[in-house]
Amino acid sequence: MSANFLGREKEYQNVAGFGESALSLRETFSPAFSYAERIGKLFADIAAMGFEAVDLWDAHCSPLWANEQHFRGLRAASEQHGVKIASMAGGMGDDLTVFKKLCHVAREIGAPVLGVSGSLIPKYGGEVAALLERYEIKLGFENHPDEKTPFDVIEKIGGGQRPRIGATLDTGWFATHGYPVLNAIDELRDHLFLIHLKNIEAPGGHDAAPWDRGCLDLELIVRKLKQVGYNGYMSVEYEPLDHDPSEICTQFRVKVEEWLAAPAPAVASESLMF
C-alpha cells in the first residue's frame, strides 16, 4: 500500500493525517517534469522491500492532476522495478466526473481494481457500473469509514448483482467498529475483490499498529482468507504518522508469505474480535 508512506514527503515530522499528506504529495508529485524520477524512487524502495506489486494510493497519481506524462512515468517505474500496479486505493468521491477520471487513470496505468470508498453508491450504482464496464476495471467497495458491518457493504454494492462491483475488506475498519473480522470474511466471501490487511491499536479507534502489536490476530485472518478460497491480492497496510514504515512492512510481507505457504487447520468464525 503506497499510502504507507503518507508521511514520507514531510520526513515524518508534524504529519497531521491523510488530508495533509495528500496535499504534500500533490506538491511533490503533480509537476510532470519531475514525476518520473520521484515515482521511480518510490517504486525502487518498494521493490527493495521485496514487494512485487503495489496498491497505489490515488494521491500518488491523482485524477485531479495526472496526465499522460505522469502515466508514462508510472508505467516506466513499474516495468523498471518489477512492481506491478495491482490496484488503486483512496476514494471514489461523490462526483461522477471525478470518478470517471479515476477510472481513466486506472486504465492508463494498468490497475484492474479500484479498492476505494465513497458515497456514489448505492445512489449512482448504475452509472458507476457503466463506467467500470466502459473502462474494463472492477470496483472493490471498501468498508471505510462508515460501513460497520458486512451487511452495510453488501447493501451498498447491490448484493452482488453487478459483476464489476464487489468488496474490499479492510480489517482495521471492521476492528474499529468492533465487528468480528473472521465473521466478516465469511459474510463477504462471495464478493471479495481485494483485502486491506492491517492492524490497529484498539477497537473504537483507528490508530495504526504494527502487524504483531495490535488488537487483531492477522495470522488467523490470513488463514481464514485462505480457507474460504480467497486468492486475490492482500494489500499490506501500516500507515504511521511519525516514522518510516519500511522495516515493519517488510517483516509484515515475510510473515504473510509464511502464513500463506504453511498448511493450516480450519479457522472457525467467532463472536470475538481478538
C-alpha atoms as a PDB file:
ATOM      1  CA  MET A   1       0.000   0.000   0.000  1.00  0.00           C
ATOM      2  CA  SER A   2       1.769   3.166  -1.137  1.00  0.00           C
ATOM      3  CA  ALA A   3      -0.246   5.175   1.426  1.00  0.00           C
ATOM      4  CA  ASN A   4       2.025   3.544   4.000  1.00  0.00           C
ATOM      5  CA  PHE A   5       4.404   6.380   3.076  1.00  0.00           C
ATOM      6  CA  LEU A   6       1.906   9.155   3.818  1.00  0.00           C
ATOM      7  CA  GLY A   7       4.453  10.987   5.985  1.00  0.00           C
ATOM      8  CA  ARG A   8       7.421  10.489   3.700  1.00  0.00           C
ATOM      9  CA  GLU A   9       7.397  13.889   1.969  1.00  0.00           C
ATOM     10  CA  LYS A  10       7.432  15.678   5.325  1.00  0.00           C
ATOM     11  CA  GLU A  11      10.129  13.343   6.670  1.00  0.00           C
ATOM     12  CA  TYR A  12       7.602  12.093   9.236  1.00  0.00           C
ATOM     13  CA  GLN A  13       7.644  15.410  11.070  1.00  0.00           C
ATOM     14  CA  ASN A  14       4.372  17.013  12.242  1.00  0.00           C
ATOM     15  CA  VAL A  15       2.176  14.935   9.923  1.00  0.00           C
ATOM     16  CA  ALA A  16      -1.478  15.562  10.785  1.00  0.00           C
ATOM     17  CA  GLY A  17      -3.082  12.816   8.699  1.00  0.00           C
ATOM     18  CA  PHE A  18      -4.245  11.726   5.270  1.00  0.00           C
ATOM     19  CA  GLY A  19      -5.647  15.072   4.138  1.00  0.00           C
ATOM     20  CA  GLU A  20      -2.457  16.981   4.851  1.00  0.00           C
ATOM     21  CA  SER A  21      -0.366  14.188   3.361  1.00  0.00           C
ATOM     22  CA  ALA A  22      -2.386  14.190   0.162  1.00  0.00           C
ATOM     23  CA  LEU A  23      -1.667  17.902  -0.182  1.00  0.00           C
ATOM     24  CA  SER A  24       2.069  17.416   0.381  1.00  0.00           C
ATOM     25  CA  LEU A  25       2.087  14.615  -2.186  1.00  0.00           C
ATOM     26  CA  ARG A  26       0.299  16.852  -4.666  1.00  0.00           C
ATOM     27  CA  GLU A  27       3.033  19.467  -4.268  1.00  0.00           C
ATOM     28  CA  THR A  28       5.698  16.808  -4.738  1.00  0.00           C
ATOM     29  CA  PHE A  29       4.257  14.546  -7.421  1.00  0.00           C
ATOM     30  CA  SER A  30       1.992  16.720  -9.566  1.00  0.00           C
ATOM     31  CA  PRO A  31       4.790  18.516 -11.514  1.00  0.00           C
ATOM     32  CA  ALA A  32       5.004  16.400 -14.626  1.00  0.00           C
ATOM     33  CA  PHE A  33       8.641  17.248 -15.405  1.00  0.00           C
ATOM     34  CA  SER A  34       9.916  15.571 -12.211  1.00  0.00           C
ATOM     35  CA  TYR A  35       7.285  12.855 -11.789  1.00  0.00           C
ATOM     36  CA  ALA A  36       9.166  10.003 -13.458  1.00  0.00           C
ATOM     37  CA  GLU A  37      12.151  10.492 -11.146  1.00  0.00           C
ATOM     38  CA  ARG A  38      10.061  10.772  -7.985  1.00  0.00           C
ATOM     39  CA  ILE A  39       7.734   7.860  -8.687  1.00  0.00           C
ATOM     40  CA  GLY A  40      10.739   5.814  -9.795  1.00  0.00           C
ATOM     41  CA  LYS A  41      12.385   6.365  -6.416  1.00  0.00           C
ATOM     42  CA  LEU A  42       9.196   5.295  -4.640  1.00  0.00           C
ATOM     43  CA  PHE A  43       8.943   2.116  -6.721  1.00  0.00           C
ATOM     44  CA  ALA A  44      12.642   1.369  -6.202  1.00  0.00           C
ATOM     45  CA  ASP A  45      12.119   1.500  -2.441  1.00  0.00           C
ATOM     46  CA  ILE A  46       9.022  -0.725  -2.667  1.00  0.00           C
ATOM     47  CA  ALA A  47      10.955  -3.271  -4.735  1.00  0.00           C
ATOM     48  CA  ALA A  48      13.861  -3.155  -2.250  1.00  0.00           C
ATOM     49  CA  MET A  49      11.412  -4.211   0.470  1.00  0.00           C
ATOM     50  CA  GLY A  50      10.671  -7.372  -1.525  1.00  0.00           C
ATOM     51  CA  PHE A  51       7.258  -6.439  -2.887  1.00  0.00           C
ATOM     52  CA  GLU A  52       6.311  -7.376  -6.433  1.00  0.00           C
ATOM     53  CA  ALA A  53       3.044  -5.435  -6.557  1.00  0.00           C
ATOM     54  CA  VAL A  54       1.647  -2.192  -5.192  1.00  0.00           C
ATOM     55  CA  ASP A  55      -1.772  -0.956  -4.150  1.00  0.00           C
ATOM     56  CA  LEU A  56      -1.272   2.608  -5.386  1.00  0.00           C
ATOM     57  CA  TRP A  57      -2.763   5.384  -3.263  1.00  0.00           C
ATOM     58  CA  ASP A  58      -4.537   7.786  -5.610  1.00  0.00           C
ATOM     59  CA  ALA A  59      -2.603  10.684  -4.044  1.00  0.00           C
ATOM     60  CA  HIS A  60       0.451   9.314  -5.883  1.00  0.00           C
ATOM     61  CA  CYS A  61      -1.341   9.624  -9.231  1.00  0.00           C
ATOM     62  CA  SER A  62      -4.420  11.722  -8.645  1.00  0.00           C
ATOM     63  CA  PRO A  63      -7.251  12.061 -11.160  1.00  0.00           C
ATOM     64  CA  LEU A  64      -7.221  15.744 -10.219  1.00  0.00           C
ATOM     65  CA  TRP A  65      -3.830  16.368 -11.841  1.00  0.00           C
ATOM     66  CA  ALA A  66      -2.430  13.284 -13.586  1.00  0.00           C
ATOM     67  CA  ASN A  67      -1.875  13.414 -17.341  1.00  0.00           C
ATOM     68  CA  GLU A  68      -0.242  11.249 -19.981  1.00  0.00           C
ATOM     69  CA  GLN A  69       3.253  12.285 -18.917  1.00  0.00           C
ATOM     70  CA  HIS A  70       2.513  11.058 -15.394  1.00  0.00           C
ATOM     71  CA  PHE A  71       1.106   7.812 -16.770  1.00  0.00           C
ATOM     72  CA  ARG A  72       4.247   7.189 -18.832  1.00  0.00           C
ATOM     73  CA  GLY A  73       6.446   7.794 -15.815  1.00  0.00           C
ATOM     74  CA  LEU A  74       4.405   5.432 -13.683  1.00  0.00           C
ATOM     75  CA  ARG A  75       4.332   2.670 -16.271  1.00  0.00           C
ATOM     76  CA  ALA A  76       8.107   3.025 -16.724  1.00  0.00           C
ATOM     77  CA  ALA A  77       8.704   2.800 -12.963  1.00  0.00           C
ATOM     78  CA  SER A  78       6.523  -0.294 -12.746  1.00  0.00           C
ATOM     79  CA  GLU A  79       8.407  -2.020 -15.558  1.00  0.00           C
ATOM     80  CA  GLN A  80      11.891  -0.951 -14.459  1.00  0.00           C
ATOM     81  CA  HIS A  81      11.496  -2.112 -10.868  1.00  0.00           C
ATOM     82  CA  GLY A  82       9.289  -5.146 -11.465  1.00  0.00           C
ATOM     83  CA  VAL A  83       6.460  -3.829  -9.299  1.00  0.00           C
ATOM     84  CA  LYS A  84       3.022  -4.485 -10.768  1.00  0.00           C
ATOM     85  CA  ILE A  85       0.254  -1.939 -10.164  1.00  0.00           C
ATOM     86  CA  ALA A  86      -2.303  -4.373  -8.808  1.00  0.00           C
ATOM     87  CA  SER A  87      -4.930  -1.905  -7.633  1.00  0.00           C
ATOM     88  CA  MET A  88      -5.623   1.687  -6.635  1.00  0.00           C
ATOM     89  CA  ALA A  89      -6.633   2.826  -3.155  1.00  0.00           C
ATOM     90  CA  GLY A  90      -8.296   6.006  -1.963  1.00  0.00           C
ATOM     91  CA  GLY A  91     -11.723   7.462  -2.513  1.00  0.00           C
ATOM     92  CA  MET A  92     -14.281   7.430  -5.289  1.00  0.00           C
ATOM     93  CA  GLY A  93     -15.721  10.690  -4.001  1.00  0.00           C
ATOM     94  CA  ASP A  94     -19.215  11.982  -4.594  1.00  0.00           C
ATOM     95  CA  ASP A  95     -18.803  13.306  -8.143  1.00  0.00           C
ATOM     96  CA  LEU A  96     -19.262  11.066 -11.172  1.00  0.00           C
ATOM     97  CA  THR A  97     -16.994  13.298 -13.265  1.00  0.00           C
ATOM     98  CA  VAL A  98     -14.094  12.797 -10.853  1.00  0.00           C
ATOM     99  CA  PHE A  99     -14.842   9.069 -10.631  1.00  0.00           C
ATOM    100  CA  LYS A 100     -14.710   8.867 -14.415  1.00  0.00           C
ATOM    101  CA  LYS A 101     -11.254  10.453 -14.292  1.00  0.00           C
ATOM    102  CA  LEU A 102     -10.216   7.925 -11.636  1.00  0.00           C
ATOM    103  CA  CYS A 103     -11.341   5.092 -13.919  1.00  0.00           C
ATOM    104  CA  HIS A 104      -9.318   6.657 -16.732  1.00  0.00           C
ATOM    105  CA  VAL A 105      -6.218   6.786 -14.512  1.00  0.00           C
ATOM    106  CA  ALA A 106      -6.681   3.146 -13.503  1.00  0.00           C
ATOM    107  CA  ARG A 107      -6.957   2.003 -17.098  1.00  0.00           C
ATOM    108  CA  GLU A 108      -3.956   4.035 -18.252  1.00  0.00           C
ATOM    109  CA  ILE A 109      -1.658   2.684 -15.540  1.00  0.00           C
ATOM    110  CA  GLY A 110      -2.933  -0.879 -15.774  1.00  0.00           C
ATOM    111  CA  ALA A 111      -4.659  -1.159 -12.384  1.00  0.00           C
ATOM    112  CA  PRO A 112      -7.520  -3.669 -12.760  1.00  0.00           C
ATOM    113  CA  VAL A 113      -9.192  -2.943  -9.395  1.00  0.00           C
ATOM    114  CA  LEU A 114     -10.209   0.186  -7.516  1.00  0.00           C
ATOM    115  CA  GLY A 115     -10.229  -0.546  -3.782  1.00  0.00           C
ATOM    116  CA  VAL A 116     -11.994   2.641  -2.733  1.00  0.00           C
ATOM    117  CA  SER A 117     -14.774   4.050  -0.599  1.00  0.00           C
ATOM    118  CA  GLY A 118     -17.191   6.872  -1.299  1.00  0.00           C
ATOM    119  CA  SER A 119     -20.784   7.986  -1.498  1.00  0.00           C
ATOM    120  CA  LEU A 120     -21.559   7.393  -5.176  1.00  0.00           C
ATOM    121  CA  ILE A 121     -23.078   4.009  -4.461  1.00  0.00           C
ATOM    122  CA  PRO A 122     -25.722   2.881  -3.977  1.00  0.00           C
ATOM    123  CA  LYS A 123     -27.378   6.082  -5.284  1.00  0.00           C
ATOM    124  CA  TYR A 124     -25.470   6.090  -8.575  1.00  0.00           C
ATOM    125  CA  GLY A 125     -24.750   2.376  -8.747  1.00  0.00           C
ATOM    126  CA  GLY A 126     -25.943   2.061 -12.328  1.00  0.00           C
ATOM    127  CA  GLU A 127     -23.788   4.947 -13.541  1.00  0.00           C
ATOM    128  CA  VAL A 128     -20.771   3.613 -11.636  1.00  0.00           C
ATOM    129  CA  ALA A 129     -21.270   0.137 -13.111  1.00  0.00           C
ATOM    130  CA  ALA A 130     -21.468   1.614 -16.613  1.00  0.00           C
ATOM    131  CA  LEU A 131     -18.178   3.483 -16.157  1.00  0.00           C
ATOM    132  CA  LEU A 132     -16.490   0.364 -14.824  1.00  0.00           C
ATOM    133  CA  GLU A 133     -17.684  -1.561 -17.864  1.00  0.00           C
ATOM    134  CA  ARG A 134     -16.505   1.183 -20.203  1.00  0.00           C
ATOM    135  CA  TYR A 135     -13.016   1.268 -18.691  1.00  0.00           C
ATOM    136  CA  GLU A 136     -12.871  -2.506 -18.113  1.00  0.00           C
ATOM    137  CA  ILE A 137     -11.979  -2.332 -14.431  1.00  0.00           C
ATOM    138  CA  LYS A 138     -13.558  -3.503 -11.172  1.00  0.00           C
ATOM    139  CA  LEU A 139     -14.575  -1.668  -8.020  1.00  0.00           C
ATOM    140  CA  GLY A 140     -13.961  -3.260  -4.646  1.00  0.00           C
ATOM    141  CA  PHE A 141     -16.008  -1.027  -2.358  1.00  0.00           C
ATOM    142  CA  GLU A 142     -14.140  -0.539   0.927  1.00  0.00           C
ATOM    143  CA  ASN A 143     -15.742  -0.541   4.369  1.00  0.00           C
ATOM    144  CA  HIS A 144     -14.204   2.851   5.152  1.00  0.00           C
ATOM    145  CA  PRO A 145     -15.179   4.581   7.386  1.00  0.00           C
ATOM    146  CA  ASP A 146     -18.973   4.364   7.811  1.00  0.00           C
ATOM    147  CA  GLU A 147     -19.734   0.723   6.968  1.00  0.00           C
ATOM    148  CA  LYS A 148     -19.896  -1.009  10.336  1.00  0.00           C
ATOM    149  CA  THR A 149     -20.978  -4.467   9.181  1.00  0.00           C
ATOM    150  CA  PRO A 150     -20.679  -6.643   6.065  1.00  0.00           C
ATOM    151  CA  PHE A 151     -24.426  -6.107   5.563  1.00  0.00           C
ATOM    152  CA  ASP A 152     -23.760  -2.389   5.103  1.00  0.00           C
ATOM    153  CA  VAL A 153     -21.264  -3.210   2.352  1.00  0.00           C
ATOM    154  CA  ILE A 154     -23.456  -5.808   0.627  1.00  0.00           C
ATOM    155  CA  GLU A 155     -26.402  -3.428   0.632  1.00  0.00           C
ATOM    156  CA  LYS A 156     -24.346  -0.653  -0.980  1.00  0.00           C
ATOM    157  CA  ILE A 157     -22.839  -2.850  -3.697  1.00  0.00           C
ATOM    158  CA  GLY A 158     -26.239  -4.183  -4.707  1.00  0.00           C
ATOM    159  CA  GLY A 159     -25.945  -7.679  -3.281  1.00  0.00           C
ATOM    160  CA  GLY A 160     -23.625  -8.926  -5.999  1.00  0.00           C
ATOM    161  CA  GLN A 161     -25.984  -8.115  -8.860  1.00  0.00           C
ATOM    162  CA  ARG A 162     -23.339  -6.030 -10.664  1.00  0.00           C
ATOM    163  CA  PRO A 163     -20.372  -8.247 -11.589  1.00  0.00           C
ATOM    164  CA  ARG A 164     -17.837  -5.410 -11.683  1.00  0.00           C
ATOM    165  CA  ILE A 165     -18.759  -4.164  -8.187  1.00  0.00           C
ATOM    166  CA  GLY A 166     -17.594  -6.146  -5.188  1.00  0.00           C
ATOM    167  CA  ALA A 167     -15.915  -5.509  -1.847  1.00  0.00           C
ATOM    168  CA  THR A 168     -12.551  -4.504  -0.471  1.00  0.00           C
ATOM    169  CA  LEU A 169     -12.403  -5.824   3.085  1.00  0.00           C
ATOM    170  CA  ASP A 170     -10.464  -3.507   5.388  1.00  0.00           C
ATOM    171  CA  THR A 171      -9.608  -5.486   8.513  1.00  0.00           C
ATOM    172  CA  GLY A 172      -8.746  -2.381  10.520  1.00  0.00           C
ATOM    173  CA  TRP A 173     -12.028  -0.591   9.938  1.00  0.00           C
ATOM    174  CA  PHE A 174     -14.110  -3.601  10.977  1.00  0.00           C
ATOM    175  CA  ALA A 175     -11.940  -3.744  14.103  1.00  0.00           C
ATOM    176  CA  THR A 176     -12.569  -0.048  14.732  1.00  0.00           C
ATOM    177  CA  HIS A 177     -16.306  -0.709  14.718  1.00  0.00           C
ATOM    178  CA  GLY A 178     -15.940  -3.802  16.882  1.00  0.00           C
ATOM    179  CA  TYR A 179     -17.125  -6.227  14.201  1.00  0.00           C
ATOM    180  CA  PRO A 180     -15.513  -9.711  14.256  1.00  0.00           C
ATOM    181  CA  VAL A 181     -13.244  -9.834  11.229  1.00  0.00           C
ATOM    182  CA  LEU A 182     -13.423 -13.612  10.800  1.00  0.00           C
ATOM    183  CA  ASN A 183     -17.213 -13.346  10.591  1.00  0.00           C
ATOM    184  CA  ALA A 184     -16.875 -10.517   8.063  1.00  0.00           C
ATOM    185  CA  ILE A 185     -14.703 -12.736   5.857  1.00  0.00           C
ATOM    186  CA  ASP A 186     -17.371 -15.452   5.879  1.00  0.00           C
ATOM    187  CA  GLU A 187     -20.141 -12.996   5.109  1.00  0.00           C
ATOM    188  CA  LEU A 188     -18.272 -11.225   2.289  1.00  0.00           C
ATOM    189  CA  ARG A 189     -16.530 -14.286   0.856  1.00  0.00           C
ATOM    190  CA  ASP A 190     -18.560 -14.250  -2.386  1.00  0.00           C
ATOM    191  CA  HIS A 191     -17.911 -10.552  -3.010  1.00  0.00           C
ATOM    192  CA  LEU A 192     -14.208 -10.082  -2.238  1.00  0.00           C
ATOM    193  CA  PHE A 193     -12.045  -8.323  -4.815  1.00  0.00           C
ATOM    194  CA  LEU A 194      -9.267  -7.063  -2.521  1.00  0.00           C
ATOM    195  CA  ILE A 195      -8.067  -7.168   1.099  1.00  0.00           C
ATOM    196  CA  HIS A 196      -6.618  -4.228   3.010  1.00  0.00           C
ATOM    197  CA  LEU A 197      -4.741  -6.129   5.687  1.00  0.00           C
ATOM    198  CA  LYS A 198      -3.856  -4.008   8.694  1.00  0.00           C
ATOM    199  CA  ASN A 199      -3.856  -3.878  12.460  1.00  0.00           C
ATOM    200  CA  ILE A 200      -4.975  -1.135  14.828  1.00  0.00           C
ATOM    201  CA  GLU A 201      -4.187  -0.458  18.462  1.00  0.00           C
ATOM    202  CA  ALA A 202      -7.679  -0.965  19.889  1.00  0.00           C
ATOM    203  CA  PRO A 203     -11.382  -1.152  18.918  1.00  0.00           C
ATOM    204  CA  GLY A 204     -13.130   2.207  18.877  1.00  0.00           C
ATOM    205  CA  GLY A 205     -10.098   3.997  17.466  1.00  0.00           C
ATOM    206  CA  HIS A 206      -8.166   3.768  14.241  1.00  0.00           C
ATOM    207  CA  ASP A 207      -4.550   4.255  15.262  1.00  0.00           C
ATOM    208  CA  ALA A 208      -2.163   2.226  13.126  1.00  0.00           C
ATOM    209  CA  ALA A 209      -0.368  -0.653  14.845  1.00  0.00           C
ATOM    210  CA  PRO A 210       2.424  -2.931  13.605  1.00  0.00           C
ATOM    211  CA  TRP A 211       1.187  -6.276  12.327  1.00  0.00           C
ATOM    212  CA  ASP A 212       2.105  -8.082  15.576  1.00  0.00           C
ATOM    213  CA  ARG A 213       1.245  -5.420  18.174  1.00  0.00           C
ATOM    214  CA  GLY A 214      -2.390  -4.527  17.606  1.00  0.00           C
ATOM    215  CA  CYS A 215      -5.760  -5.922  18.623  1.00  0.00           C
ATOM    216  CA  LEU A 216      -6.103  -8.310  15.658  1.00  0.00           C
ATOM    217  CA  ASP A 217      -4.524 -11.707  15.113  1.00  0.00           C
ATOM    218  CA  LEU A 218      -3.598 -11.232  11.458  1.00  0.00           C
ATOM    219  CA  GLU A 219      -2.310 -14.783  11.104  1.00  0.00           C
ATOM    220  CA  LEU A 220      -5.796 -16.106  11.876  1.00  0.00           C
ATOM    221  CA  ILE A 221      -7.261 -13.640   9.387  1.00  0.00           C
ATOM    222  CA  VAL A 222      -4.907 -14.719   6.598  1.00  0.00           C
ATOM    223  CA  ARG A 223      -5.596 -18.374   7.358  1.00  0.00           C
ATOM    224  CA  LYS A 224      -9.325 -17.661   7.233  1.00  0.00           C
ATOM    225  CA  LEU A 225      -8.999 -15.938   3.855  1.00  0.00           C
ATOM    226  CA  LYS A 226      -7.095 -18.960   2.570  1.00  0.00           C
ATOM    227  CA  GLN A 227      -9.739 -21.282   3.993  1.00  0.00           C
ATOM    228  CA  VAL A 228     -12.630 -19.549   2.195  1.00  0.00           C
ATOM    229  CA  GLY A 229     -10.725 -19.713  -1.107  1.00  0.00           C
ATOM    230  CA  TYR A 230      -9.702 -16.088  -1.474  1.00  0.00           C
ATOM    231  CA  ASN A 231      -6.788 -15.941  -3.912  1.00  0.00           C
ATOM    232  CA  GLY A 232      -6.596 -12.246  -4.761  1.00  0.00           C
ATOM    233  CA  TYR A 233      -4.189  -9.615  -3.533  1.00  0.00           C
ATOM    234  CA  MET A 234      -3.714  -8.666   0.113  1.00  0.00           C
ATOM    235  CA  SER A 235      -2.578  -5.087   0.477  1.00  0.00           C
ATOM    236  CA  VAL A 236      -0.135  -4.854   3.395  1.00  0.00           C
ATOM    237  CA  GLU A 237      -1.076  -1.687   5.244  1.00  0.00           C
ATOM    238  CA  TYR A 238       0.741   0.118   8.062  1.00  0.00           C
ATOM    239  CA  GLU A 239       0.490   3.898   7.984  1.00  0.00           C
ATOM    240  CA  PRO A 240       2.280   5.529  10.929  1.00  0.00           C
ATOM    241  CA  LEU A 241       2.485   9.304  11.008  1.00  0.00           C
ATOM    242  CA  ASP A 242       5.817   9.673  12.779  1.00  0.00           C
ATOM    243  CA  HIS A 243       8.247   7.125  11.344  1.00  0.00           C
ATOM    244  CA  ASP A 244       9.261   5.260   8.207  1.00  0.00           C
ATOM    245  CA  PRO A 245       7.203   2.027   7.969  1.00  0.00           C
ATOM    246  CA  SER A 246       9.609   0.202   5.642  1.00  0.00           C
ATOM    247  CA  GLU A 247      11.147  -2.229   8.121  1.00  0.00           C
ATOM    248  CA  ILE A 248       7.842  -3.219   9.701  1.00  0.00           C
ATOM    249  CA  CYS A 249       6.142  -3.594   6.311  1.00  0.00           C
ATOM    250  CA  THR A 250       8.983  -5.812   5.120  1.00  0.00           C
ATOM    251  CA  GLN A 251       8.555  -8.028   8.195  1.00  0.00           C
ATOM    252  CA  PHE A 252       4.795  -7.985   7.573  1.00  0.00           C
ATOM    253  CA  ARG A 253       5.253  -9.183   3.982  1.00  0.00           C
ATOM    254  CA  VAL A 254       7.510 -12.027   5.084  1.00  0.00           C
ATOM    255  CA  LYS A 255       5.011 -13.164   7.697  1.00  0.00           C
ATOM    256  CA  VAL A 256       2.048 -13.076   5.309  1.00  0.00           C
ATOM    257  CA  GLU A 257       4.008 -15.156   2.808  1.00  0.00           C
ATOM    258  CA  GLU A 258       4.848 -17.673   5.548  1.00  0.00           C
ATOM    259  CA  TRP A 259       1.213 -17.880   6.649  1.00  0.00           C
ATOM    260  CA  LEU A 260       0.045 -18.435   3.078  1.00  0.00           C
ATOM    261  CA  ALA A 261       2.641 -21.113   2.419  1.00  0.00           C
ATOM    262  CA  ALA A 262       2.046 -23.125   5.581  1.00  0.00           C
ATOM    263  CA  PRO A 263      -0.688 -25.763   5.784  1.00  0.00           C
ATOM    264  CA  ALA A 264      -3.163 -24.608   8.376  1.00  0.00           C
ATOM    265  CA  PRO A 265      -6.140 -26.094  10.202  1.00  0.00           C
ATOM    266  CA  ALA A 266      -9.601 -24.705   9.632  1.00  0.00           C
ATOM    267  CA  VAL A 267     -10.348 -21.401  11.329  1.00  0.00           C
ATOM    268  CA  ALA A 268     -13.806 -21.028  12.796  1.00  0.00           C
ATOM    269  CA  SER A 269     -15.647 -17.747  12.739  1.00  0.00           C
ATOM    270  CA  GLU A 270     -16.117 -16.385  16.181  1.00  0.00           C
ATOM    271  CA  SER A 271     -18.029 -13.780  18.078  1.00  0.00           C
ATOM    272  CA  LEU A 272     -14.851 -12.258  19.500  1.00  0.00           C
ATOM    273  CA  MET A 273     -12.611  -9.948  17.546  1.00  0.00           C
ATOM    274  CA  PHE A 274      -9.320 -10.980  19.119  1.00  0.00           C
END
